[in-house]
Amino acid sequence: MRAVIIEDEKPSARRLNRMLDVLDLDVITMLHSVTEAIEWFKNNEHPELIFLDIQLSDGLSFEIFENVEIKSAIIFTTAYDEYALKAFKLNSVDYLLKPIDDEELSEAIQKYMSNRVKKSPNFIKAEDIHKMFEQSNQKDYKKRFTIQVGQHLKIFEVNDVCCFYSENKGTYLHTNSDRSYLLDLSLEKLEVELDPEKFFKISRKFIVNLSAIKDIVSYSNLRLEVKLDRFNKQQLIVSRERVKLFKEWLG
C-alpha cells in the first residue's frame, strides 16, 4: 500500500516515515508545504493513504483540497487537539496527536485496512475538509487578547489589532495606536484562532488585519507589498506562494 506524508517539520516527517516502514507501508514521498503538495498531487498518481498535518509552514492543509481533487483516505497527524479535530472525531476520522505513538499508529492503519477490505471506508472525504474547518471554527474565533504589561493586565479587542508579527523568536501584537506587545502564542497558533475573513497570514512573519490595509503595491518577482495604517517597523511582503491566495482572500 502506498502512502504520502504531508508534514512541514522535516524531523517529524522522517520519524513517521521510519515508523511506517516498520509497518510495511511504502511512503512514496514526503511533502512539506501547501504549495509543494498541490504541485505534487497535480502531477502524480495519488496514494491510497495520506498522513496529513493540519498546520503547514505556508498555511492550513485544507487549502490543498481547494486546488486538487483528492480521493485518498486521510489520517491526521497534528499537534492540535482542538478546533477542527473535534469535528473530525465526530465524523469518525482517525487522527494521531503528536508525538505519534507506535501503537496508535498501528491501530489507525489497521482500521483503514479493515474498512478498505469491507469496502466501507470510514475516513473523511477530502472534499469535506474545508467545510469541516469552517464549521468547527465558527464560534471559536479569538475576540480579545489579555496581555500583562508590568503589574497591569491590558485587554485588546481583536479589531484593535492591525497585525501580528514575529521578531527575534517572539510573536507580537501591533495595535492601531501604533504600539507592540509580546504574546505567548506562535503565529501558527494564532492563525487558527483568528477569523479568516478578517485576518490573513501573508508570510511566515506576518498576519494582517484586512481593515488595517491602506495600500498594496507591486514588489519584485511578482510579489506584493502590503502597507498598513499603523505599522512602519518592517516591510510586509506577501510571500510568492501566498500571492494567489491573498488576492482571492481580498475578493
Protein backbone atom coordinates (compact mmCIF):
# COMPACT_ATOMS: atom_id res chain seq x y z
CA MET A 1 0.00 0.00 0.00
CA ARG A 2 1.32 3.42 -0.96
CA ALA A 3 1.26 6.43 1.34
CA VAL A 4 2.25 10.10 1.30
CA ILE A 5 3.34 12.15 4.31
CA ILE A 6 2.46 15.87 4.35
CA GLU A 7 4.34 17.46 7.23
CA ASP A 8 6.28 20.74 7.39
CA GLU A 9 8.59 19.64 10.23
CA LYS A 10 11.14 17.51 8.41
CA PRO A 11 12.40 15.63 11.52
CA SER A 12 8.80 14.66 12.33
CA ALA A 13 8.25 13.57 8.72
CA ARG A 14 11.38 11.40 8.77
CA ARG A 15 10.38 9.85 12.11
CA LEU A 16 6.91 8.99 10.79
CA ASN A 17 8.48 7.58 7.63
CA ARG A 18 10.63 5.22 9.72
CA MET A 19 7.60 4.15 11.77
CA LEU A 20 5.60 3.40 8.63
CA ASP A 21 8.50 1.48 7.13
CA VAL A 22 8.40 -0.88 10.12
CA LEU A 23 4.69 -1.38 9.40
CA ASP A 24 5.47 -2.22 5.74
CA LEU A 25 3.88 0.88 4.24
CA ASP A 26 5.54 2.28 1.14
CA VAL A 27 5.95 6.04 1.63
CA ILE A 28 6.40 7.30 -1.91
CA THR A 29 7.11 10.93 -0.98
CA MET A 30 7.20 13.43 1.87
CA LEU A 31 5.74 16.89 1.17
CA HIS A 32 6.41 19.88 3.39
CA SER A 33 4.09 22.71 2.37
CA VAL A 34 0.70 23.50 0.84
CA THR A 35 2.36 24.71 -2.36
CA GLU A 36 4.55 21.63 -2.72
CA ALA A 37 1.62 19.29 -2.05
CA ILE A 38 -0.62 20.97 -4.63
CA GLU A 39 2.08 20.71 -7.29
CA TRP A 40 2.80 17.05 -6.49
CA PHE A 41 -0.83 15.91 -6.49
CA LYS A 42 -1.47 17.67 -9.79
CA ASN A 43 1.31 15.72 -11.46
CA ASN A 44 1.40 12.30 -9.80
CA GLU A 45 -0.82 9.28 -9.18
CA HIS A 46 -2.48 9.64 -5.81
CA PRO A 47 -1.72 7.16 -2.99
CA GLU A 48 -4.19 5.05 -1.04
CA LEU A 49 -3.44 6.85 2.21
CA ILE A 50 -2.26 10.35 3.26
CA PHE A 51 -0.76 11.21 6.64
CA LEU A 52 -1.66 14.87 6.92
CA ASP A 53 -0.56 17.60 9.32
CA ILE A 54 -3.13 20.39 9.71
CA GLN A 55 -0.81 23.36 10.18
CA LEU A 56 1.84 23.69 7.46
CA SER A 57 4.50 26.35 7.05
CA ASP A 58 2.57 28.26 4.38
CA GLY A 59 -1.00 27.74 5.54
CA LEU A 60 -3.64 25.25 6.66
CA SER A 61 -3.65 21.95 4.81
CA PHE A 62 -7.27 22.21 3.66
CA GLU A 63 -6.02 24.66 1.04
CA ILE A 64 -4.57 21.65 -0.79
CA PHE A 65 -8.06 20.26 -1.35
CA GLU A 66 -9.36 23.56 -2.66
CA ASN A 67 -6.91 23.23 -5.54
CA VAL A 68 -6.80 19.48 -6.21
CA GLU A 69 -9.47 16.78 -6.10
CA ILE A 70 -8.06 14.01 -3.91
CA LYS A 71 -9.66 10.61 -3.34
CA SER A 72 -7.10 9.22 -0.88
CA ALA A 73 -8.04 8.26 2.66
CA ILE A 74 -6.62 10.60 5.30
CA ILE A 75 -5.16 10.12 8.76
CA PHE A 76 -4.39 13.38 10.53
CA THR A 77 -1.08 13.83 12.35
CA THR A 78 -1.18 17.04 14.34
CA ALA A 79 -0.09 18.86 17.47
CA TYR A 80 -3.52 20.48 17.81
CA ASP A 81 -6.24 18.77 19.84
CA GLU A 82 -8.95 21.39 19.44
CA TYR A 83 -10.94 23.28 16.78
CA ALA A 84 -11.27 21.11 13.70
CA LEU A 85 -10.24 17.95 15.49
CA LYS A 86 -13.46 17.99 17.49
CA ALA A 87 -15.44 17.78 14.27
CA PHE A 88 -13.07 15.22 12.74
CA LYS A 89 -13.56 12.86 15.67
CA LEU A 90 -17.35 13.12 15.45
CA ASN A 91 -17.08 12.16 11.79
CA SER A 92 -15.02 9.04 12.56
CA VAL A 93 -11.80 10.40 11.15
CA ASP A 94 -8.65 8.88 12.61
CA TYR A 95 -6.11 11.34 13.88
CA LEU A 96 -2.84 10.96 15.74
CA LEU A 97 -1.74 13.56 18.23
CA LYS A 98 1.96 14.38 18.22
CA PRO A 99 4.26 12.91 19.38
CA ILE A 100 2.87 9.93 17.50
CA ASP A 101 2.63 6.69 19.44
CA ASP A 102 3.66 3.43 17.73
CA GLU A 103 0.61 1.54 18.96
CA GLU A 104 -1.86 4.25 17.97
CA LEU A 105 -0.27 4.47 14.53
CA SER A 106 -0.59 0.73 14.04
CA GLU A 107 -4.24 0.78 15.18
CA ALA A 108 -5.08 3.63 12.79
CA ILE A 109 -3.61 1.72 9.86
CA GLN A 110 -5.41 -1.46 10.87
CA LYS A 111 -8.67 0.46 10.98
CA TYR A 112 -8.03 1.77 7.49
CA MET A 113 -7.14 -1.70 6.19
CA SER A 114 -10.24 -3.24 7.77
CA ASN A 115 -12.54 -0.63 6.25
CA ARG A 116 -10.87 -0.99 2.87
CA VAL A 117 -11.43 -4.75 2.87
CA LYS A 118 -15.08 -4.19 3.79
CA LYS A 119 -15.30 -1.60 1.01
CA SER A 120 -16.86 0.79 3.50
CA PRO A 121 -14.16 3.33 4.26
CA ASN A 122 -14.80 5.28 7.43
CA PHE A 123 -12.43 8.15 6.73
CA ILE A 124 -13.30 11.72 5.96
CA LYS A 125 -13.74 12.61 2.32
CA ALA A 126 -11.13 15.09 1.17
CA GLU A 127 -13.74 17.39 -0.36
CA ASP A 128 -15.40 17.81 3.07
CA ILE A 129 -12.27 19.07 4.81
CA HIS A 130 -12.80 22.77 4.13
CA LYS A 131 -16.43 22.63 5.23
CA MET A 132 -15.46 20.94 8.48
CA PHE A 133 -12.81 23.54 9.25
CA GLU A 134 -15.40 26.27 8.77
CA GLN A 135 -17.99 24.53 10.94
CA SER A 136 -15.55 23.76 13.74
CA ASN A 137 -14.14 27.29 13.85
CA GLN A 138 -17.36 29.31 13.55
CA LYS A 139 -17.79 30.03 17.27
CA ASP A 140 -14.17 29.74 18.37
CA TYR A 141 -12.53 32.79 16.85
CA LYS A 142 -10.45 34.92 19.17
CA LYS A 143 -12.31 38.03 20.32
CA ARG A 144 -9.71 39.69 22.56
CA PHE A 145 -6.22 39.34 23.97
CA THR A 146 -5.20 39.89 27.60
CA ILE A 147 -1.53 40.83 27.98
CA GLN A 148 0.43 41.52 31.13
CA VAL A 149 2.38 44.78 30.96
CA GLY A 150 4.40 45.28 34.13
CA GLN A 151 1.97 44.96 37.04
CA HIS A 152 -1.06 45.57 34.82
CA LEU A 153 -3.24 43.49 32.52
CA LYS A 154 -4.20 45.15 29.26
CA ILE A 155 -7.15 43.95 27.18
CA PHE A 156 -7.10 44.40 23.41
CA GLU A 157 -10.12 43.73 21.24
CA VAL A 158 -9.14 41.82 18.12
CA ASN A 159 -10.48 44.64 15.94
CA ASP A 160 -7.91 46.98 17.52
CA VAL A 161 -5.04 44.88 16.16
CA CYS A 162 -3.60 45.89 12.78
CA CYS A 163 -1.19 42.94 12.53
CA PHE A 164 0.73 40.21 14.30
CA TYR A 165 4.41 39.65 13.55
CA SER A 166 7.43 37.55 14.51
CA GLU A 167 10.71 39.14 15.51
CA ASN A 168 13.75 37.73 17.35
CA LYS A 169 11.89 34.47 18.13
CA GLY A 170 9.00 36.39 19.70
CA THR A 171 5.44 36.99 18.49
CA TYR A 172 3.97 40.47 18.77
CA LEU A 173 0.55 42.09 18.57
CA HIS A 174 0.63 45.56 16.99
CA THR A 175 -2.27 47.86 17.71
CA ASN A 176 -3.98 50.62 15.77
CA SER A 177 -2.46 53.03 18.28
CA ASP A 178 0.99 52.04 16.93
CA ARG A 179 2.18 50.01 19.94
CA SER A 180 3.57 46.46 20.01
CA TYR A 181 3.07 43.89 22.76
CA LEU A 182 4.68 40.49 23.22
CA LEU A 183 2.38 37.45 23.06
CA ASP A 184 2.90 33.91 24.30
CA LEU A 185 1.42 32.39 21.11
CA SER A 186 3.13 31.48 17.85
CA LEU A 187 1.88 32.84 14.53
CA GLU A 188 0.89 29.28 13.59
CA LYS A 189 -1.30 29.00 16.67
CA LEU A 190 -2.73 32.47 16.12
CA GLU A 191 -3.71 31.71 12.53
CA VAL A 192 -6.22 29.05 13.53
CA GLU A 193 -7.65 31.26 16.31
CA LEU A 194 -8.34 34.31 14.14
CA ASP A 195 -11.33 34.90 11.87
CA PRO A 196 -10.07 34.13 8.32
CA GLU A 197 -12.49 36.68 6.92
CA LYS A 198 -10.58 39.42 8.77
CA PHE A 199 -7.02 38.14 9.09
CA PHE A 200 -4.58 36.62 6.60
CA LYS A 201 -1.09 35.20 7.07
CA ILE A 202 0.86 36.85 4.24
CA SER A 203 4.18 35.17 5.13
CA ARG A 204 5.90 33.25 7.89
CA LYS A 205 6.41 36.54 9.73
CA PHE A 206 3.12 38.46 9.38
CA ILE A 207 -0.63 38.13 9.84
CA VAL A 208 -2.51 41.25 8.75
CA ASN A 209 -5.94 42.66 9.53
CA LEU A 210 -7.94 43.47 6.39
CA SER A 211 -9.33 46.65 7.93
CA ALA A 212 -5.80 47.98 8.58
CA ILE A 213 -4.59 47.72 4.97
CA LYS A 214 -4.20 51.14 3.37
CA ASP A 215 -2.33 50.14 0.21
CA ILE A 216 -0.99 47.17 -1.76
CA VAL A 217 1.81 47.71 -4.26
CA SER A 218 3.79 45.54 -6.65
CA TYR A 219 7.09 44.19 -5.37
CA SER A 220 9.92 42.23 -7.05
CA ASN A 221 9.41 38.74 -8.52
CA LEU A 222 5.62 39.01 -8.79
CA ARG A 223 5.25 39.55 -5.05
CA LEU A 224 3.22 42.22 -3.27
CA GLU A 225 3.96 44.69 -0.51
CA VAL A 226 1.21 45.46 2.00
CA LYS A 227 1.13 48.85 3.69
CA LEU A 228 -0.78 49.25 6.95
CA ASP A 229 -2.14 52.37 8.60
CA ARG A 230 -0.15 51.98 11.81
CA PHE A 231 2.89 49.79 11.16
CA ASN A 232 6.24 51.01 9.86
CA LYS A 233 8.70 48.74 11.67
CA GLN A 234 9.31 46.41 8.71
CA GLN A 235 8.22 45.82 5.13
CA LEU A 236 5.26 43.48 4.86
CA ILE A 237 5.87 41.34 1.79
CA VAL A 238 3.38 38.70 0.66
CA SER A 239 5.40 35.53 0.06
CA ARG A 240 5.40 34.30 -3.53
CA GLU A 241 3.45 31.13 -2.77
CA ARG A 242 0.74 33.12 -0.93
CA VAL A 243 0.08 35.83 -3.52
CA LYS A 244 -2.71 33.94 -5.31
CA LEU A 245 -4.44 33.03 -2.04
CA PHE A 246 -4.03 36.60 -0.80
CA LYS A 247 -5.72 38.03 -3.89
CA GLU A 248 -8.56 35.53 -3.50
CA TRP A 249 -8.90 36.50 0.16
CA LEU A 250 -9.18 40.16 -0.81
CA GLY A 251 -12.07 39.14 -3.04
